[in-house]
PDB file of N, CA and C in Angstrom:
ATOM      1  N   ALA A   1       0.812  -1.198   0.000  1.00  0.00           N
ATOM      2  CA  ALA A   1       0.000   0.000   0.000  1.00  0.00           C
ATOM      3  C   ALA A   1       0.851   1.255   0.000  1.00  0.00           C
ATOM      4  N   GLY A   2       2.172   1.108   0.102  1.00  0.00           N
ATOM      5  CA  GLY A   2       3.045   2.275   0.073  1.00  0.00           C
ATOM      6  C   GLY A   2       3.120   3.037   1.379  1.00  0.00           C
ATOM      7  N   LEU A   3       2.623   2.469   2.452  1.00  0.00           N
ATOM      8  CA  LEU A   3       2.621   3.185   3.727  1.00  0.00           C
ATOM      9  C   LEU A   3       3.978   3.176   4.418  1.00  0.00           C
ATOM     10  N   ALA A   4       4.886   2.332   3.984  1.00  0.00           N
ATOM     11  CA  ALA A   4       6.182   2.216   4.639  1.00  0.00           C
ATOM     12  C   ALA A   4       7.302   2.902   3.855  1.00  0.00           C
ATOM     13  N   GLU A   5       6.972   3.785   2.946  1.00  0.00           N
ATOM     14  CA  GLU A   5       7.997   4.484   2.182  1.00  0.00           C
ATOM     15  C   GLU A   5       8.852   5.326   3.126  1.00  0.00           C
ATOM     16  N   GLU A   6      10.167   5.243   2.979  1.00  0.00           N
ATOM     17  CA  GLU A   6      11.065   5.939   3.889  1.00  0.00           C
ATOM     18  C   GLU A   6      10.990   7.452   3.768  1.00  0.00           C
ATOM     19  N   LYS A   7      10.736   7.975   2.597  1.00  0.00           N
ATOM     20  CA  LYS A   7      10.726   9.422   2.409  1.00  0.00           C
ATOM     21  C   LYS A   7       9.360  10.041   2.679  1.00  0.00           C
ATOM     22  N   ARG A   8       8.430   9.250   3.042  1.00  0.00           N
ATOM     23  CA  ARG A   8       7.085   9.741   3.337  1.00  0.00           C
ATOM     24  C   ARG A   8       7.039  10.266   4.773  1.00  0.00           C
ATOM     25  N   PRO A   9       6.390  11.408   5.004  1.00  0.00           N
ATOM     26  CA  PRO A   9       6.305  11.925   6.374  1.00  0.00           C
ATOM     27  C   PRO A   9       5.467  11.012   7.265  1.00  0.00           C
ATOM     28  N   TYR A  10       5.834  10.936   8.523  1.00  0.00           N
ATOM     29  CA  TYR A  10       5.071  10.146   9.484  1.00  0.00           C
ATOM     30  C   TYR A  10       3.782  10.853   9.877  1.00  0.00           C
ATOM     31  N   GLY A  11       3.767  12.157   9.749  1.00  0.00           N
ATOM     32  CA  GLY A  11       2.569  12.901  10.108  1.00  0.00           C
ATOM     33  C   GLY A  11       2.759  14.381   9.847  1.00  0.00           C
ATOM     34  N   SER A  12       1.653  15.082   9.808  1.00  0.00           N
ATOM     35  CA  SER A  12       1.658  16.536   9.671  1.00  0.00           C
ATOM     36  C   SER A  12       0.807  17.099  10.792  1.00  0.00           C
ATOM     37  N   PHE A  13       1.291  18.141  11.409  1.00  0.00           N
ATOM     38  CA  PHE A  13       0.589  18.755  12.525  1.00  0.00           C
ATOM     39  C   PHE A  13       0.429  20.239  12.245  1.00  0.00           C
ATOM     40  N   LEU A  14      -0.701  20.788  12.611  1.00  0.00           N
ATOM     41  CA  LEU A  14      -0.964  22.209  12.456  1.00  0.00           C
ATOM     42  C   LEU A  14      -1.355  22.753  13.818  1.00  0.00           C
ATOM     43  N   PHE A  15      -0.538  23.640  14.347  1.00  0.00           N
ATOM     44  CA  PHE A  15      -0.812  24.246  15.647  1.00  0.00           C
ATOM     45  C   PHE A  15      -1.149  25.711  15.429  1.00  0.00           C
ATOM     46  N   LEU A  16      -2.299  26.114  15.907  1.00  0.00           N
ATOM     47  CA  LEU A  16      -2.777  27.484  15.742  1.00  0.00           C
ATOM     48  C   LEU A  16      -2.923  28.145  17.100  1.00  0.00           C
ATOM     49  N   GLY A  17      -2.743  29.448  17.127  1.00  0.00           N
ATOM     50  CA  GLY A  17      -2.944  30.182  18.365  1.00  0.00           C
ATOM     51  C   GLY A  17      -2.138  31.463  18.367  1.00  0.00           C
ATOM     52  N   PRO A  18      -2.361  32.270  19.379  1.00  0.00           N
ATOM     53  CA  PRO A  18      -1.660  33.554  19.460  1.00  0.00           C
ATOM     54  C   PRO A  18      -0.169  33.368  19.764  1.00  0.00           C
ATOM     55  N   THR A  19       0.567  34.440  19.586  1.00  0.00           N
ATOM     56  CA  THR A  19       1.996  34.446  19.860  1.00  0.00           C
ATOM     57  C   THR A  19       2.264  34.189  21.337  1.00  0.00           C
ATOM     58  N   GLY A  20       3.285  33.385  21.600  1.00  0.00           N
ATOM     59  CA  GLY A  20       3.756  33.214  22.967  1.00  0.00           C
ATOM     60  C   GLY A  20       3.054  32.173  23.806  1.00  0.00           C
ATOM     61  N   VAL A  21       2.285  31.279  23.198  1.00  0.00           N
ATOM     62  CA  VAL A  21       1.575  30.268  23.995  1.00  0.00           C
ATOM     63  C   VAL A  21       2.294  28.918  24.015  1.00  0.00           C
ATOM     64  N   GLY A  22       3.405  28.775  23.263  1.00  0.00           N
ATOM     65  CA  GLY A  22       4.202  27.559  23.321  1.00  0.00           C
ATOM     66  C   GLY A  22       4.040  26.602  22.160  1.00  0.00           C
ATOM     67  N   LYS A  23       3.560  27.069  21.029  1.00  0.00           N
ATOM     68  CA  LYS A  23       3.372  26.183  19.872  1.00  0.00           C
ATOM     69  C   LYS A  23       4.705  25.607  19.393  1.00  0.00           C
ATOM     70  N   THR A  24       5.714  26.456  19.263  1.00  0.00           N
ATOM     71  CA  THR A  24       7.018  25.991  18.797  1.00  0.00           C
ATOM     72  C   THR A  24       7.645  25.047  19.810  1.00  0.00           C
ATOM     73  N   GLN A  25       7.545  25.378  21.081  1.00  0.00           N
ATOM     74  CA  GLN A  25       8.104  24.508  22.120  1.00  0.00           C
ATOM     75  C   GLN A  25       7.415  23.144  22.113  1.00  0.00           C
ATOM     76  N   LEU A  26       6.105  23.121  21.909  1.00  0.00           N
ATOM     77  CA  LEU A  26       5.373  21.860  21.816  1.00  0.00           C
ATOM     78  C   LEU A  26       5.864  21.034  20.632  1.00  0.00           C
ATOM     79  N   CYS A  27       6.085  21.671  19.495  1.00  0.00           N
ATOM     80  CA  CYS A  27       6.585  20.957  18.314  1.00  0.00           C
ATOM     81  C   CYS A  27       7.956  20.357  18.570  1.00  0.00           C
ATOM     82  N   LYS A  28       8.831  21.119  19.203  1.00  0.00           N
ATOM     83  CA  LYS A  28      10.170  20.611  19.511  1.00  0.00           C
ATOM     84  C   LYS A  28      10.092  19.433  20.473  1.00  0.00           C
ATOM     85  N   ALA A  29       9.219  19.522  21.469  1.00  0.00           N
ATOM     86  CA  ALA A  29       9.060  18.426  22.428  1.00  0.00           C
ATOM     87  C   ALA A  29       8.501  17.182  21.741  1.00  0.00           C
ATOM     88  N   LEU A  30       7.530  17.364  20.860  1.00  0.00           N
ATOM     89  CA  LEU A  30       6.965  16.226  20.120  1.00  0.00           C
ATOM     90  C   LEU A  30       8.005  15.574  19.215  1.00  0.00           C
ATOM     91  N   ALA A  31       8.797  16.391  18.528  1.00  0.00           N
ATOM     92  CA  ALA A  31       9.842  15.842  17.659  1.00  0.00           C
ATOM     93  C   ALA A  31      10.850  15.052  18.483  1.00  0.00           C
ATOM     94  N   GLY A  32      11.225  15.586  19.628  1.00  0.00           N
ATOM     95  CA  GLY A  32      12.151  14.870  20.498  1.00  0.00           C
ATOM     96  C   GLY A  32      11.572  13.572  21.022  1.00  0.00           C
ATOM     97  N   PHE A  33      10.292  13.586  21.362  1.00  0.00           N
ATOM     98  CA  PHE A  33       9.634  12.387  21.898  1.00  0.00           C
ATOM     99  C   PHE A  33       9.393  11.336  20.817  1.00  0.00           C
ATOM    100  N   LEU A  34       8.869  11.762  19.671  1.00  0.00           N
ATOM    101  CA  LEU A  34       8.502  10.820  18.616  1.00  0.00           C
ATOM    102  C   LEU A  34       9.699  10.319  17.811  1.00  0.00           C
ATOM    103  N   PHE A  35      10.688  11.183  17.599  1.00  0.00           N
ATOM    104  CA  PHE A  35      11.784  10.852  16.687  1.00  0.00           C
ATOM    105  C   PHE A  35      13.158  10.919  17.340  1.00  0.00           C
ATOM    106  N   ASP A  36      13.220  11.117  18.639  1.00  0.00           N
ATOM    107  CA  ASP A  36      14.475  11.181  19.397  1.00  0.00           C
ATOM    108  C   ASP A  36      15.393  12.318  18.976  1.00  0.00           C
ATOM    109  N   SER A  37      14.868  13.307  18.273  1.00  0.00           N
ATOM    110  CA  SER A  37      15.691  14.437  17.866  1.00  0.00           C
ATOM    111  C   SER A  37      14.800  15.582  17.397  1.00  0.00           C
ATOM    112  N   GLU A  38      15.157  16.809  17.792  1.00  0.00           N
ATOM    113  CA  GLU A  38      14.432  17.979  17.299  1.00  0.00           C
ATOM    114  C   GLU A  38      14.787  18.274  15.844  1.00  0.00           C
ATOM    115  N   ASP A  39      15.820  17.607  15.320  1.00  0.00           N
ATOM    116  CA  ASP A  39      16.251  17.833  13.938  1.00  0.00           C
ATOM    117  C   ASP A  39      15.232  17.335  12.920  1.00  0.00           C
ATOM    118  N   HIS A  40      14.268  16.550  13.346  1.00  0.00           N
ATOM    119  CA  HIS A  40      13.251  16.027  12.435  1.00  0.00           C
ATOM    120  C   HIS A  40      12.052  16.968  12.306  1.00  0.00           C
ATOM    121  N   LEU A  41      12.205  18.172  12.767  1.00  0.00           N
ATOM    122  CA  LEU A  41      11.145  19.172  12.744  1.00  0.00           C
ATOM    123  C   LEU A  41      11.349  20.098  11.551  1.00  0.00           C
ATOM    124  N   ILE A  42      10.298  20.321  10.790  1.00  0.00           N
ATOM    125  CA  ILE A  42      10.317  21.320   9.723  1.00  0.00           C
ATOM    126  C   ILE A  42       9.366  22.424  10.152  1.00  0.00           C
ATOM    127  N   ARG A  43       9.911  23.612  10.358  1.00  0.00           N
ATOM    128  CA  ARG A  43       9.115  24.741  10.849  1.00  0.00           C
ATOM    129  C   ARG A  43       8.915  25.735   9.708  1.00  0.00           C
ATOM    130  N   ILE A  44       7.670  26.112   9.476  1.00  0.00           N
ATOM    131  CA  ILE A  44       7.335  27.102   8.457  1.00  0.00           C
ATOM    132  C   ILE A  44       6.689  28.281   9.162  1.00  0.00           C
ATOM    133  N   ASP A  45       7.325  29.445   9.066  1.00  0.00           N
ATOM    134  CA  ASP A  45       6.820  30.655   9.713  1.00  0.00           C
ATOM    135  C   ASP A  45       5.814  31.320   8.775  1.00  0.00           C
ATOM    136  N   MET A  46       4.543  31.153   9.067  1.00  0.00           N
ATOM    137  CA  MET A  46       3.495  31.656   8.176  1.00  0.00           C
ATOM    138  C   MET A  46       3.297  33.165   8.273  1.00  0.00           C
ATOM    139  N   SER A  47       3.939  33.825   9.249  1.00  0.00           N
ATOM    140  CA  SER A  47       3.820  35.281   9.327  1.00  0.00           C
ATOM    141  C   SER A  47       4.459  35.945   8.107  1.00  0.00           C
ATOM    142  N   GLU A  48       5.343  35.240   7.422  1.00  0.00           N
ATOM    143  CA  GLU A  48       5.960  35.767   6.211  1.00  0.00           C
ATOM    144  C   GLU A  48       4.959  35.872   5.060  1.00  0.00           C
ATOM    145  N   PHE A  49       3.839  35.195   5.159  1.00  0.00           N
ATOM    146  CA  PHE A  49       2.862  35.153   4.078  1.00  0.00           C
ATOM    147  C   PHE A  49       1.639  36.030   4.350  1.00  0.00           C
ATOM    148  N   MET A  50       1.705  36.857   5.385  1.00  0.00           N
ATOM    149  CA  MET A  50       0.576  37.739   5.710  1.00  0.00           C
ATOM    150  C   MET A  50       0.539  38.915   4.738  1.00  0.00           C
ATOM    151  N   GLU A  51      -0.657  39.398   4.474  1.00  0.00           N
ATOM    152  CA  GLU A  51      -0.804  40.562   3.594  1.00  0.00           C
ATOM    153  C   GLU A  51      -0.805  41.823   4.406  1.00  0.00           C
TER     154      GLU A  51
END
């Protein structure tokens, strides 16, 4: 079924909320817990795309 492809992401997460509530810290903690390293985190700063 192609579910075990190595280059396929294990999951995608979307965290929404105001500045300063810990979204980035939560992502880093999840990456460390799930993948044993914060290096497996891809962070996209969506404030760059505001009009």
